[in-house]
Amino acid sequence: MFATVSATHDWFSWVVIFANAAVGLWALVAHRRTSLRTSALWIATAAAQLTVFVQAGLGTWLMVAENREAPELHALYGFSGLVAVGIAYSYRPHLRAYLCLLYGFTGLFLMGLGIRAVILDSAI
């Protein structure tokens, strides 16, 4: 079972990266083009951000169930994504006029955290 979860954690990192990149770019373009501000944008954004929680859960399971340590700073980047999602969500009422920018940059930030975590994992 460990090998299956480990393999899922590895390939799912790319799902996290590409999903958050896509919705981040979509939201940034939607800031200028109001026709792109659809409910599909917000559903896709929520789904992309949920991938961060799934990925962190898989990584936590690997660390606890197998009693192994993540590569240096790898877990920090993973859990920073959870914090970033929480911060973005908490700023929603204060940045109503800039919601697309908030979620656009959050998506790109999550993409960057994912890329950095993959690079750290590959370096070992």
PDB file of N, CA and C in Angstrom:
ATOM      1  N   MET A   1       0.820  -1.199   0.000  1.00  0.00           N
ATOM      2  CA  MET A   1       0.000   0.000   0.000  1.00  0.00           C
ATOM      3  C   MET A   1       0.865   1.264   0.000  1.00  0.00           C
ATOM      4  N   PHE A   2       2.002   1.193   0.686  1.00  0.00           N
ATOM      5  CA  PHE A   2       2.893   2.350   0.752  1.00  0.00           C
ATOM      6  C   PHE A   2       3.338   2.771  -0.644  1.00  0.00           C
ATOM      7  N   ALA A   3       3.687   1.801  -1.481  1.00  0.00           N
ATOM      8  CA  ALA A   3       4.151   2.125  -2.831  1.00  0.00           C
ATOM      9  C   ALA A   3       3.057   2.824  -3.634  1.00  0.00           C
ATOM     10  N   THR A   4       1.813   2.409  -3.456  1.00  0.00           N
ATOM     11  CA  THR A   4       0.695   3.036  -4.164  1.00  0.00           C
ATOM     12  C   THR A   4       0.495   4.472  -3.707  1.00  0.00           C
ATOM     13  N   VAL A   5       0.517   4.695  -2.402  1.00  0.00           N
ATOM     14  CA  VAL A   5       0.335   6.058  -1.886  1.00  0.00           C
ATOM     15  C   VAL A   5       1.514   6.935  -2.289  1.00  0.00           C
ATOM     16  N   SER A   6       2.712   6.390  -2.236  1.00  0.00           N
ATOM     17  CA  SER A   6       3.902   7.153  -2.630  1.00  0.00           C
ATOM     18  C   SER A   6       3.841   7.543  -4.111  1.00  0.00           C
ATOM     19  N   ALA A   7       3.454   6.602  -4.954  1.00  0.00           N
ATOM     20  CA  ALA A   7       3.335   6.894  -6.391  1.00  0.00           C
ATOM     21  C   ALA A   7       2.234   7.918  -6.644  1.00  0.00           C
ATOM     22  N   THR A   8       1.127   7.794  -5.914  1.00  0.00           N
ATOM     23  CA  THR A   8       0.033   8.764  -6.063  1.00  0.00           C
ATOM     24  C   THR A   8       0.492  10.145  -5.636  1.00  0.00           C
ATOM     25  N   HIS A   9       1.224  10.223  -4.533  1.00  0.00           N
ATOM     26  CA  HIS A   9       1.740  11.508  -4.058  1.00  0.00           C
ATOM     27  C   HIS A   9       2.674  12.134  -5.104  1.00  0.00           C
ATOM     28  N   ASP A  10       3.466  11.301  -5.753  1.00  0.00           N
ATOM     29  CA  ASP A  10       4.398  11.800  -6.772  1.00  0.00           C
ATOM     30  C   ASP A  10       3.660  12.371  -7.987  1.00  0.00           C
ATOM     31  N   TRP A  11       2.750  11.583  -8.583  1.00  0.00           N
ATOM     32  CA  TRP A  11       2.083  12.087  -9.798  1.00  0.00           C
ATOM     33  C   TRP A  11       1.052  13.158  -9.479  1.00  0.00           C
ATOM     34  N   PHE A  12       0.449  13.086  -8.282  1.00  0.00           N
ATOM     35  CA  PHE A  12      -0.577  14.070  -7.938  1.00  0.00           C
ATOM     36  C   PHE A  12       0.030  15.458  -7.736  1.00  0.00           C
ATOM     37  N   SER A  13       1.335  15.520  -7.468  1.00  0.00           N
ATOM     38  CA  SER A  13       1.980  16.828  -7.337  1.00  0.00           C
ATOM     39  C   SER A  13       1.835  17.635  -8.630  1.00  0.00           C
ATOM     40  N   TRP A  14       1.857  16.944  -9.764  1.00  0.00           N
ATOM     41  CA  TRP A  14       1.698  17.637 -11.046  1.00  0.00           C
ATOM     42  C   TRP A  14       0.256  18.098 -11.248  1.00  0.00           C
ATOM     43  N   VAL A  15      -0.692  17.361 -10.718  1.00  0.00           N
ATOM     44  CA  VAL A  15      -2.091  17.793 -10.755  1.00  0.00           C
ATOM     45  C   VAL A  15      -2.234  19.094  -9.973  1.00  0.00           C
ATOM     46  N   VAL A  16      -1.629  19.141  -8.792  1.00  0.00           N
ATOM     47  CA  VAL A  16      -1.666  20.354  -7.964  1.00  0.00           C
ATOM     48  C   VAL A  16      -1.052  21.531  -8.719  1.00  0.00           C
ATOM     49  N   ILE A  17       0.103  21.313  -9.306  1.00  0.00           N
ATOM     50  CA  ILE A  17       0.823  22.386 -10.001  1.00  0.00           C
ATOM     51  C   ILE A  17       0.024  22.904 -11.194  1.00  0.00           C
ATOM     52  N   PHE A  18      -0.409  22.007 -12.072  1.00  0.00           N
ATOM     53  CA  PHE A  18      -1.092  22.449 -13.289  1.00  0.00           C
ATOM     54  C   PHE A  18      -2.496  22.988 -13.016  1.00  0.00           C
ATOM     55  N   ALA A  19      -3.194  22.392 -12.072  1.00  0.00           N
ATOM     56  CA  ALA A  19      -4.544  22.877 -11.755  1.00  0.00           C
ATOM     57  C   ALA A  19      -4.486  24.293 -11.199  1.00  0.00           C
ATOM     58  N   ASN A  20      -3.562  24.540 -10.281  1.00  0.00           N
ATOM     59  CA  ASN A  20      -3.468  25.878  -9.692  1.00  0.00           C
ATOM     60  C   ASN A  20      -2.898  26.896 -10.670  1.00  0.00           C
ATOM     61  N   ALA A  21      -2.019  26.466 -11.556  1.00  0.00           N
ATOM     62  CA  ALA A  21      -1.523  27.368 -12.601  1.00  0.00           C
ATOM     63  C   ALA A  21      -2.666  27.780 -13.523  1.00  0.00           C
ATOM     64  N   ALA A  22      -3.473  26.812 -13.930  1.00  0.00           N
ATOM     65  CA  ALA A  22      -4.567  27.094 -14.857  1.00  0.00           C
ATOM     66  C   ALA A  22      -5.596  28.044 -14.246  1.00  0.00           C
ATOM     67  N   VAL A  23      -6.044  27.754 -13.023  1.00  0.00           N
ATOM     68  CA  VAL A  23      -7.058  28.637 -12.430  1.00  0.00           C
ATOM     69  C   VAL A  23      -6.459  29.982 -12.045  1.00  0.00           C
ATOM     70  N   GLY A  24      -5.182  29.997 -11.697  1.00  0.00           N
ATOM     71  CA  GLY A  24      -4.532  31.272 -11.391  1.00  0.00           C
ATOM     72  C   GLY A  24      -4.491  32.183 -12.605  1.00  0.00           C
ATOM     73  N   LEU A  25      -4.093  31.630 -13.738  1.00  0.00           N
ATOM     74  CA  LEU A  25      -4.061  32.429 -14.974  1.00  0.00           C
ATOM     75  C   LEU A  25      -5.469  32.831 -15.401  1.00  0.00           C
ATOM     76  N   TRP A  26      -6.405  31.926 -15.282  1.00  0.00           N
ATOM     77  CA  TRP A  26      -7.804  32.207 -15.618  1.00  0.00           C
ATOM     78  C   TRP A  26      -8.317  33.372 -14.782  1.00  0.00           C
ATOM     79  N   ALA A  27      -8.065  33.345 -13.489  1.00  0.00           N
ATOM     80  CA  ALA A  27      -8.545  34.415 -12.608  1.00  0.00           C
ATOM     81  C   ALA A  27      -7.873  35.752 -12.930  1.00  0.00           C
ATOM     82  N   LEU A  28      -6.590  35.720 -13.260  1.00  0.00           N
ATOM     83  CA  LEU A  28      -5.911  36.977 -13.601  1.00  0.00           C
ATOM     84  C   LEU A  28      -6.481  37.585 -14.879  1.00  0.00           C
ATOM     85  N   VAL A  29      -6.751  36.749 -15.874  1.00  0.00           N
ATOM     86  CA  VAL A  29      -7.358  37.248 -17.110  1.00  0.00           C
ATOM     87  C   VAL A  29      -8.786  37.724 -16.823  1.00  0.00           C
ATOM     88  N   ALA A  30      -9.487  37.011 -15.937  1.00  0.00           N
ATOM     89  CA  ALA A  30     -10.863  37.381 -15.602  1.00  0.00           C
ATOM     90  C   ALA A  30     -10.928  38.723 -14.875  1.00  0.00           C
ATOM     91  N   HIS A  31      -9.847  39.146 -14.273  1.00  0.00           N
ATOM     92  CA  HIS A  31      -9.837  40.462 -13.636  1.00  0.00           C
ATOM     93  C   HIS A  31     -10.076  41.560 -14.680  1.00  0.00           C
ATOM     94  N   ARG A  32      -9.535  41.365 -15.872  1.00  0.00           N
ATOM     95  CA  ARG A  32      -9.703  42.333 -16.968  1.00  0.00           C
ATOM     96  C   ARG A  32     -10.928  42.059 -17.838  1.00  0.00           C
ATOM     97  N   ARG A  33     -11.257  40.798 -18.004  1.00  0.00           N
ATOM     98  CA  ARG A  33     -12.377  40.415 -18.866  1.00  0.00           C
ATOM     99  C   ARG A  33     -13.486  39.826 -18.008  1.00  0.00           C
ATOM    100  N   THR A  34     -14.463  40.643 -17.716  1.00  0.00           N
ATOM    101  CA  THR A  34     -15.531  40.228 -16.808  1.00  0.00           C
ATOM    102  C   THR A  34     -16.344  39.043 -17.341  1.00  0.00           C
ATOM    103  N   SER A  35     -16.317  38.828 -18.638  1.00  0.00           N
ATOM    104  CA  SER A  35     -17.069  37.699 -19.197  1.00  0.00           C
ATOM    105  C   SER A  35     -16.509  36.354 -18.724  1.00  0.00           C
ATOM    106  N   LEU A  36     -15.270  36.345 -18.253  1.00  0.00           N
ATOM    107  CA  LEU A  36     -14.659  35.110 -17.761  1.00  0.00           C
ATOM    108  C   LEU A  36     -14.949  34.850 -16.288  1.00  0.00           C
ATOM    109  N   ARG A  37     -15.607  35.781 -15.639  1.00  0.00           N
ATOM    110  CA  ARG A  37     -15.938  35.630 -14.212  1.00  0.00           C
ATOM    111  C   ARG A  37     -17.235  34.832 -14.079  1.00  0.00           C
ATOM    112  N   THR A  38     -17.111  33.557 -14.259  1.00  0.00           N
ATOM    113  CA  THR A  38     -18.279  32.676 -14.208  1.00  0.00           C
ATOM    114  C   THR A  38     -18.209  31.800 -12.959  1.00  0.00           C
ATOM    115  N   SER A  39     -19.294  31.131 -12.691  1.00  0.00           N
ATOM    116  CA  SER A  39     -19.285  30.205 -11.555  1.00  0.00           C
ATOM    117  C   SER A  39     -18.298  29.069 -11.789  1.00  0.00           C
ATOM    118  N   ALA A  40     -18.039  28.750 -13.051  1.00  0.00           N
ATOM    119  CA  ALA A  40     -17.058  27.698 -13.366  1.00  0.00           C
ATOM    120  C   ALA A  40     -15.664  28.085 -12.864  1.00  0.00           C
ATOM    121  N   LEU A  41     -15.331  29.369 -12.927  1.00  0.00           N
ATOM    122  CA  LEU A  41     -14.035  29.830 -12.417  1.00  0.00           C
ATOM    123  C   LEU A  41     -13.910  29.524 -10.932  1.00  0.00           C
ATOM    124  N   TRP A  42     -14.960  29.820 -10.180  1.00  0.00           N
ATOM    125  CA  TRP A  42     -14.888  29.631  -8.732  1.00  0.00           C
ATOM    126  C   TRP A  42     -14.950  28.161  -8.348  1.00  0.00           C
ATOM    127  N   ILE A  43     -15.671  27.366  -9.112  1.00  0.00           N
ATOM    128  CA  ILE A  43     -15.705  25.925  -8.861  1.00  0.00           C
ATOM    129  C   ILE A  43     -14.335  25.316  -9.161  1.00  0.00           C
ATOM    130  N   ALA A  44     -13.743  25.720 -10.291  1.00  0.00           N
ATOM    131  CA  ALA A  44     -12.415  25.217 -10.654  1.00  0.00           C
ATOM    132  C   ALA A  44     -11.362  25.669  -9.647  1.00  0.00           C
ATOM    133  N   THR A  45     -11.486  26.900  -9.160  1.00  0.00           N
ATOM    134  CA  THR A  45     -10.542  27.399  -8.161  1.00  0.00           C
ATOM    135  C   THR A  45     -10.645  26.595  -6.874  1.00  0.00           C
ATOM    136  N   ALA A  46     -11.854  26.338  -6.438  1.00  0.00           N
ATOM    137  CA  ALA A  46     -12.046  25.534  -5.220  1.00  0.00           C
ATOM    138  C   ALA A  46     -11.484  24.124  -5.410  1.00  0.00           C
ATOM    139  N   ALA A  47     -11.735  23.540  -6.569  1.00  0.00           N
ATOM    140  CA  ALA A  47     -11.224  22.191  -6.840  1.00  0.00           C
ATOM    141  C   ALA A  47      -9.698  22.175  -6.859  1.00  0.00           C
ATOM    142  N   ALA A  48      -9.101  23.182  -7.501  1.00  0.00           N
ATOM    143  CA  ALA A  48      -7.639  23.247  -7.561  1.00  0.00           C
ATOM    144  C   ALA A  48      -7.048  23.429  -6.169  1.00  0.00           C
ATOM    145  N   GLN A  49      -7.686  24.254  -5.360  1.00  0.00           N
ATOM    146  CA  GLN A  49      -7.167  24.460  -4.011  1.00  0.00           C
ATOM    147  C   GLN A  49      -7.382  23.233  -3.128  1.00  0.00           C
ATOM    148  N   LEU A  50      -8.420  22.471  -3.388  1.00  0.00           N
ATOM    149  CA  LEU A  50      -8.623  21.216  -2.655  1.00  0.00           C
ATOM    150  C   LEU A  50      -7.522  20.207  -2.953  1.00  0.00           C
ATOM    151  N   THR A  51      -6.940  20.278  -4.142  1.00  0.00           N
ATOM    152  CA  THR A  51      -5.845  19.359  -4.460  1.00  0.00           C
ATOM    153  C   THR A  51      -4.662  19.564  -3.516  1.00  0.00           C
ATOM    154  N   VAL A  52      -4.475  20.785  -3.027  1.00  0.00           N
ATOM    155  CA  VAL A  52      -3.399  21.062  -2.075  1.00  0.00           C
ATOM    156  C   VAL A  52      -3.637  20.285  -0.784  1.00  0.00           C
ATOM    157  N   PHE A  53      -4.889  20.240  -0.333  1.00  0.00           N
ATOM    158  CA  PHE A  53      -5.223  19.514   0.892  1.00  0.00           C
ATOM    159  C   PHE A  53      -5.058  18.006   0.700  1.00  0.00           C
ATOM    160  N   VAL A  54      -5.462  17.500  -0.458  1.00  0.00           N
ATOM    161  CA  VAL A  54      -5.294  16.074  -0.745  1.00  0.00           C
ATOM    162  C   VAL A  54      -3.809  15.726  -0.756  1.00  0.00           C
ATOM    163  N   GLN A  55      -3.002  16.544  -1.410  1.00  0.00           N
ATOM    164  CA  GLN A  55      -1.568  16.287  -1.504  1.00  0.00           C
ATOM    165  C   GLN A  55      -0.908  16.324  -0.126  1.00  0.00           C
ATOM    166  N   ALA A  56      -1.276  17.307   0.683  1.00  0.00           N
ATOM    167  CA  ALA A  56      -0.715  17.394   2.044  1.00  0.00           C
ATOM    168  C   ALA A  56      -1.151  16.183   2.871  1.00  0.00           C
ATOM    169  N   GLY A  57      -2.383  15.743   2.684  1.00  0.00           N
ATOM    170  CA  GLY A  57      -2.855  14.557   3.393  1.00  0.00           C
ATOM    171  C   GLY A  57      -2.089  13.304   2.996  1.00  0.00           C
ATOM    172  N   LEU A  58      -1.845  13.144   1.698  1.00  0.00           N
ATOM    173  CA  LEU A  58      -1.058  12.001   1.236  1.00  0.00           C
ATOM    174  C   LEU A  58       0.360  12.042   1.799  1.00  0.00           C
ATOM    175  N   GLY A  59       0.961  13.212   1.783  1.00  0.00           N
ATOM    176  CA  GLY A  59       2.318  13.348   2.314  1.00  0.00           C
ATOM    177  C   GLY A  59       2.378  13.083   3.806  1.00  0.00           C
ATOM    178  N   THR A  60       1.385  13.571   4.526  1.00  0.00           N
ATOM    179  CA  THR A  60       1.331  13.321   5.965  1.00  0.00           C
ATOM    180  C   THR A  60       1.172  11.834   6.242  1.00  0.00           C
ATOM    181  N   TRP A  61       0.310  11.174   5.475  1.00  0.00           N
ATOM    182  CA  TRP A  61       0.117   9.741   5.639  1.00  0.00           C
ATOM    183  C   TRP A  61       1.432   8.998   5.427  1.00  0.00           C
ATOM    184  N   LEU A  62       2.179   9.394   4.392  1.00  0.00           N
ATOM    185  CA  LEU A  62       3.473   8.738   4.125  1.00  0.00           C
ATOM    186  C   LEU A  62       4.438   8.924   5.295  1.00  0.00           C
ATOM    187  N   MET A  63       4.460  10.120   5.857  1.00  0.00           N
ATOM    188  CA  MET A  63       5.384  10.394   6.963  1.00  0.00           C
ATOM    189  C   MET A  63       4.989   9.629   8.225  1.00  0.00           C
ATOM    190  N   VAL A  64       3.706   9.574   8.521  1.00  0.00           N
ATOM    191  CA  VAL A  64       3.246   8.932   9.760  1.00  0.00           C
ATOM    192  C   VAL A  64       3.223   7.408   9.622  1.00  0.00           C
ATOM    193  N   ALA A  65       2.615   6.900   8.580  1.00  0.00           N
ATOM    194  CA  ALA A  65       2.448   5.455   8.426  1.00  0.00           C
ATOM    195  C   ALA A  65       3.775   4.739   8.207  1.00  0.00           C
ATOM    196  N   GLU A  66       4.688   5.383   7.526  1.00  0.00           N
ATOM    197  CA  GLU A  66       5.969   4.749   7.232  1.00  0.00           C
ATOM    198  C   GLU A  66       7.104   5.251   8.118  1.00  0.00           C
ATOM    199  N   ASN A  67       6.767   6.169   9.028  1.00  0.00           N
ATOM    200  CA  ASN A  67       7.753   6.724   9.957  1.00  0.00           C
ATOM    201  C   ASN A  67       9.010   7.204   9.218  1.00  0.00           C
ATOM    202  N   ARG A  68       8.782   7.969   8.175  1.00  0.00           N
ATOM    203  CA  ARG A  68       9.921   8.497   7.422  1.00  0.00           C
ATOM    204  C   ARG A  68       9.841  10.009   7.368  1.00  0.00           C
ATOM    205  N   GLU A  69      10.962  10.621   7.091  1.00  0.00           N
ATOM    206  CA  GLU A  69      11.015  12.079   7.033  1.00  0.00           C
ATOM    207  C   GLU A  69      10.956  12.549   5.586  1.00  0.00           C
ATOM    208  N   ALA A  70      10.339  13.701   5.400  1.00  0.00           N
ATOM    209  CA  ALA A  70      10.304  14.317   4.071  1.00  0.00           C
ATOM    210  C   ALA A  70      11.651  14.966   3.805  1.00  0.00           C
ATOM    211  N   PRO A  71      11.994  15.160   2.537  1.00  0.00           N
ATOM    212  CA  PRO A  71      13.229  15.882   2.222  1.00  0.00           C
ATOM    213  C   PRO A  71      13.223  17.266   2.877  1.00  0.00           C
ATOM    214  N   GLU A  72      14.396  17.805   3.094  1.00  0.00           N
ATOM    215  CA  GLU A  72      14.541  19.099   3.760  1.00  0.00           C
ATOM    216  C   GLU A  72      13.647  20.159   3.115  1.00  0.00           C
ATOM    217  N   LEU A  73      12.856  20.825   3.899  1.00  0.00           N
ATOM    218  CA  LEU A  73      11.924  21.892   3.516  1.00  0.00           C
ATOM    219  C   LEU A  73      10.740  21.425   2.667  1.00  0.00           C
ATOM    220  N   HIS A  74      10.713  20.161   2.269  1.00  0.00           N
ATOM    221  CA  HIS A  74       9.624  19.672   1.417  1.00  0.00           C
ATOM    222  C   HIS A  74       8.270  19.838   2.121  1.00  0.00           C
ATOM    223  N   ALA A  75       8.209  19.403   3.358  1.00  0.00           N
ATOM    224  CA  ALA A  75       6.954  19.518   4.117  1.00  0.00           C
ATOM    225  C   ALA A  75       6.590  20.983   4.357  1.00  0.00           C
ATOM    226  N   LEU A  76       7.597  21.830   4.544  1.00  0.00           N
ATOM    227  CA  LEU A  76       7.326  23.256   4.741  1.00  0.00           C
ATOM    228  C   LEU A  76       6.595  23.837   3.539  1.00  0.00           C
ATOM    229  N   TYR A  77       7.050  23.517   2.342  1.00  0.00           N
ATOM    230  CA  TYR A  77       6.380  24.026   1.144  1.00  0.00           C
ATOM    231  C   TYR A  77       4.973  23.452   1.010  1.00  0.00           C
ATOM    232  N   GLY A  78       4.818  22.187   1.361  1.00  0.00           N
ATOM    233  CA  GLY A  78       3.495  21.578   1.285  1.00  0.00           C
ATOM    234  C   GLY A  78       2.512  22.215   2.241  1.00  0.00           C
ATOM    235  N   PHE A  79       2.916  22.386   3.481  1.00  0.00           N
ATOM    236  CA  PHE A  79       1.994  22.953   4.464  1.00  0.00           C
ATOM    237  C   PHE A  79       1.840  24.463   4.309  1.00  0.00           C
ATOM    238  N   SER A  80       2.800  25.113   3.682  1.00  0.00           N
ATOM    239  CA  SER A  80       2.634  26.541   3.374  1.00  0.00           C
ATOM    240  C   SER A  80       1.489  26.751   2.388  1.00  0.00           C
ATOM    241  N   GLY A  81       1.281  25.769   1.531  1.00  0.00           N
ATOM    242  CA  GLY A  81       0.149  25.833   0.606  1.00  0.00           C
ATOM    243  C   GLY A  81      -1.177  25.843   1.343  1.00  0.00           C
ATOM    244  N   LEU A  82      -1.276  25.039   2.396  1.00  0.00           N
ATOM    245  CA  LEU A  82      -2.504  25.022   3.198  1.00  0.00           C
ATOM    246  C   LEU A  82      -2.744  26.383   3.838  1.00  0.00           C
ATOM    247  N   VAL A  83      -1.684  26.974   4.348  1.00  0.00           N
ATOM    248  CA  VAL A  83      -1.795  28.296   4.973  1.00  0.00           C
ATOM    249  C   VAL A  83      -2.187  29.341   3.931  1.00  0.00           C
ATOM    250  N   ALA A  84      -1.600  29.260   2.746  1.00  0.00           N
ATOM    251  CA  ALA A  84      -1.917  30.230   1.683  1.00  0.00           C
ATOM    252  C   ALA A  84      -3.390  30.163   1.293  1.00  0.00           C
ATOM    253  N   VAL A  85      -3.942  28.966   1.213  1.00  0.00           N
ATOM    254  CA  VAL A  85      -5.364  28.824   0.892  1.00  0.00           C
ATOM    255  C   VAL A  85      -6.209  29.461   1.989  1.00  0.00           C
ATOM    256  N   GLY A  86      -5.843  29.210   3.230  1.00  0.00           N
ATOM    257  CA  GLY A  86      -6.573  29.797   4.358  1.00  0.00           C
ATOM    258  C   GLY A  86      -6.494  31.311   4.380  1.00  0.00           C
ATOM    259  N   ILE A  87      -5.333  31.855   4.093  1.00  0.00           N
ATOM    260  CA  ILE A  87      -5.167  33.315   4.069  1.00  0.00           C
ATOM    261  C   ILE A  87      -5.999  33.917   2.942  1.00  0.00           C
ATOM    262  N   ALA A  88      -5.942  33.321   1.763  1.00  0.00           N
ATOM    263  CA  ALA A  88      -6.726  33.841   0.638  1.00  0.00           C
ATOM    264  C   ALA A  88      -8.212  33.825   0.971  1.00  0.00           C
ATOM    265  N   TYR A  89      -8.666  32.734   1.570  1.00  0.00           N
ATOM    266  CA  TYR A  89     -10.079  32.634   1.918  1.00  0.00           C
ATOM    267  C   TYR A  89     -10.462  33.689   2.954  1.00  0.00           C
ATOM    268  N   SER A  90      -9.586  33.933   3.907  1.00  0.00           N
ATOM    269  CA  SER A  90      -9.915  34.906   4.964  1.00  0.00           C
ATOM    270  C   SER A  90      -9.927  36.344   4.451  1.00  0.00           C
ATOM    271  N   TYR A  91      -9.219  36.616   3.354  1.00  0.00           N
ATOM    272  CA  TYR A  91      -9.191  37.975   2.796  1.00  0.00           C
ATOM    273  C   TYR A  91     -10.325  38.250   1.817  1.00  0.00           C
ATOM    274  N   ARG A  92     -11.132  37.250   1.492  1.00  0.00           N
ATOM    275  CA  ARG A  92     -12.215  37.430   0.517  1.00  0.00           C
ATOM    276  C   ARG A  92     -13.119  38.624   0.814  1.00  0.00           C
ATOM    277  N   PRO A  93     -13.614  38.786   2.036  1.00  0.00           N
ATOM    278  CA  PRO A  93     -14.528  39.905   2.285  1.00  0.00           C
ATOM    279  C   PRO A  93     -13.846  41.269   2.156  1.00  0.00           C
ATOM    280  N   HIS A  94     -12.562  41.319   2.448  1.00  0.00           N
ATOM    281  CA  HIS A  94     -11.837  42.592   2.434  1.00  0.00           C
ATOM    282  C   HIS A  94     -11.395  43.003   1.029  1.00  0.00           C
ATOM    283  N   LEU A  95     -11.285  42.033   0.149  1.00  0.00           N
ATOM    284  CA  LEU A  95     -10.789  42.314  -1.205  1.00  0.00           C
ATOM    285  C   LEU A  95     -11.820  41.955  -2.270  1.00  0.00           C
ATOM    286  N   ARG A  96     -13.093  42.196  -1.986  1.00  0.00           N
ATOM    287  CA  ARG A  96     -14.174  41.852  -2.918  1.00  0.00           C
ATOM    288  C   ARG A  96     -13.936  42.401  -4.325  1.00  0.00           C
ATOM    289  N   ALA A  97     -13.467  43.630  -4.411  1.00  0.00           N
ATOM    290  CA  ALA A  97     -13.256  44.250  -5.723  1.00  0.00           C
ATOM    291  C   ALA A  97     -12.070  43.635  -6.469  1.00  0.00           C
ATOM    292  N   TYR A  98     -11.206  42.952  -5.746  1.00  0.00           N
ATOM    293  CA  TYR A  98      -9.993  42.383  -6.340  1.00  0.00           C
ATOM    294  C   TYR A  98      -9.944  40.867  -6.183  1.00  0.00           C
ATOM    295  N   LEU A  99     -11.098  40.250  -6.118  1.00  0.00           N
ATOM    296  CA  LEU A  99     -11.177  38.820  -5.866  1.00  0.00           C
ATOM    297  C   LEU A  99     -10.439  38.006  -6.927  1.00  0.00           C
ATOM    298  N   CYS A 100     -10.554  38.414  -8.175  1.00  0.00           N
ATOM    299  CA  CYS A 100      -9.855  37.688  -9.240  1.00  0.00           C
ATOM    300  C   CYS A 100      -8.344  37.801  -9.091  1.00  0.00           C
ATOM    301  N   LEU A 101      -7.874  38.969  -8.700  1.00  0.00           N
ATOM    302  CA  LEU A 101      -6.433  39.123  -8.474  1.00  0.00           C
ATOM    303  C   LEU A 101      -5.979  38.287  -7.282  1.00  0.00           C
ATOM    304  N   LEU A 102      -6.761  38.306  -6.216  1.00  0.00           N
ATOM    305  CA  LEU A 102      -6.425  37.527  -5.023  1.00  0.00           C
ATOM    306  C   LEU A 102      -6.278  36.049  -5.371  1.00  0.00           C
ATOM    307  N   TYR A 103      -7.270  35.496  -6.044  1.00  0.00           N
ATOM    308  CA  TYR A 103      -7.218  34.074  -6.364  1.00  0.00           C
ATOM    309  C   TYR A 103      -6.286  33.762  -7.530  1.00  0.00           C
ATOM    310  N   GLY A 104      -6.084  34.728  -8.404  1.00  0.00           N
ATOM    311  CA  GLY A 104      -5.119  34.529  -9.485  1.00  0.00           C
ATOM    312  C   GLY A 104      -3.707  34.392  -8.943  1.00  0.00           C
ATOM    313  N   PHE A 105      -3.323  35.324  -8.104  1.00  0.00           N
ATOM    314  CA  PHE A 105      -1.975  35.265  -7.542  1.00  0.00           C
ATOM    315  C   PHE A 105      -1.821  34.113  -6.543  1.00  0.00           C
ATOM    316  N   THR A 106      -2.898  33.774  -5.848  1.00  0.00           N
ATOM    317  CA  THR A 106      -2.839  32.623  -4.945  1.00  0.00           C
ATOM    318  C   THR A 106      -2.605  31.344  -5.735  1.00  0.00           C
ATOM    319  N   GLY A 107      -3.301  31.196  -6.859  1.00  0.00           N
ATOM    320  CA  GLY A 107      -3.099  30.017  -7.703  1.00  0.00           C
ATOM    321  C   GLY A 107      -1.673  29.908  -8.200  1.00  0.00           C
ATOM    322  N   LEU A 108      -1.104  31.030  -8.634  1.00  0.00           N
ATOM    323  CA  LEU A 108       0.281  31.003  -9.117  1.00  0.00           C
ATOM    324  C   LEU A 108       1.261  30.758  -7.975  1.00  0.00           C
ATOM    325  N   PHE A 109       0.955  31.284  -6.795  1.00  0.00           N
ATOM    326  CA  PHE A 109       1.798  31.040  -5.631  1.00  0.00           C
ATOM    327  C   PHE A 109       1.781  29.559  -5.270  1.00  0.00           C
ATOM    328  N   LEU A 110       0.592  28.947  -5.288  1.00  0.00           N
ATOM    329  CA  LEU A 110       0.485  27.517  -5.005  1.00  0.00           C
ATOM    330  C   LEU A 110       1.224  26.692  -6.051  1.00  0.00           C
ATOM    331  N   MET A 111       1.163  27.118  -7.299  1.00  0.00           N
ATOM    332  CA  MET A 111       1.916  26.454  -8.354  1.00  0.00           C
ATOM    333  C   MET A 111       3.405  26.502  -8.032  1.00  0.00           C
ATOM    334  N   GLY A 112       3.888  27.672  -7.636  1.00  0.00           N
ATOM    335  CA  GLY A 112       5.302  27.831  -7.311  1.00  0.00           C
ATOM    336  C   GLY A 112       5.723  26.981  -6.123  1.00  0.00           C
ATOM    337  N   LEU A 113       4.884  26.923  -5.099  1.00  0.00           N
ATOM    338  CA  LEU A 113       5.197  26.060  -3.954  1.00  0.00           C
ATOM    339  C   LEU A 113       5.288  24.598  -4.394  1.00  0.00           C
ATOM    340  N   GLY A 114       4.378  24.194  -5.261  1.00  0.00           N
ATOM    341  CA  GLY A 114       4.395  22.815  -5.750  1.00  0.00           C
ATOM    342  C   GLY A 114       5.647  22.514  -6.555  1.00  0.00           C
ATOM    343  N   ILE A 115       6.030  23.436  -7.411  1.00  0.00           N
ATOM    344  CA  ILE A 115       7.248  23.241  -8.213  1.00  0.00           C
ATOM    345  C   ILE A 115       8.461  23.137  -7.298  1.00  0.00           C
ATOM    346  N   ARG A 116       8.528  24.008  -6.326  1.00  0.00           N
ATOM    347  CA  ARG A 116       9.657  23.991  -5.397  1.00  0.00           C
ATOM    348  C   ARG A 116       9.701  22.676  -4.611  1.00  0.00           C
ATOM    349  N   ALA A 117       8.550  22.182  -4.176  1.00  0.00           N
ATOM    350  CA  ALA A 117       8.514  20.910  -3.445  1.00  0.00           C
ATOM    351  C   ALA A 117       8.974  19.748  -4.327  1.00  0.00           C
ATOM    352  N   VAL A 118       8.580  19.760  -5.604  1.00  0.00           N
ATOM    353  CA  VAL A 118       9.007  18.717  -6.528  1.00  0.00           C
ATOM    354  C   VAL A 118      10.520  18.788  -6.738  1.00  0.00           C
ATOM    355  N   ILE A 119      11.045  19.993  -6.886  1.00  0.00           N
ATOM    356  CA  ILE A 119      12.492  20.144  -7.091  1.00  0.00           C
ATOM    357  C   ILE A 119      13.252  19.635  -5.865  1.00  0.00           C
ATOM    358  N   LEU A 120      12.770  19.963  -4.680  1.00  0.00           N
ATOM    359  CA  LEU A 120      13.434  19.472  -3.466  1.00  0.00           C
ATOM    360  C   LEU A 120      13.393  17.958  -3.388  1.00  0.00           C
ATOM    361  N   ASP A 121      12.274  17.374  -3.776  1.00  0.00           N
ATOM    362  CA  ASP A 121      12.126  15.923  -3.742  1.00  0.00           C
ATOM    363  C   ASP A 121      13.031  15.265  -4.764  1.00  0.00           C
ATOM    364  N   SER A 122      13.218  15.900  -5.890  1.00  0.00           N
ATOM    365  CA  SER A 122      14.049  15.328  -6.963  1.00  0.00           C
ATOM    366  C   SER A 122      15.526  15.435  -6.650  1.00  0.00           C
ATOM    367  N   ALA A 123      15.896  16.387  -5.809  1.00  0.00           N
ATOM    368  CA  ALA A 123      17.306  16.614  -5.506  1.00  0.00           C
ATOM    369  C   ALA A 123      17.908  15.500  -4.661  1.00  0.00           C
ATOM    370  N   ILE A 124      17.041  14.677  -4.093  1.00  0.00           N
ATOM    371  CA  ILE A 124      17.562  13.615  -3.206  1.00  0.00           C
ATOM    372  C   ILE A 124      17.768  12.332  -3.955  1.00  0.00           C
TER     373      ILE A 124
END
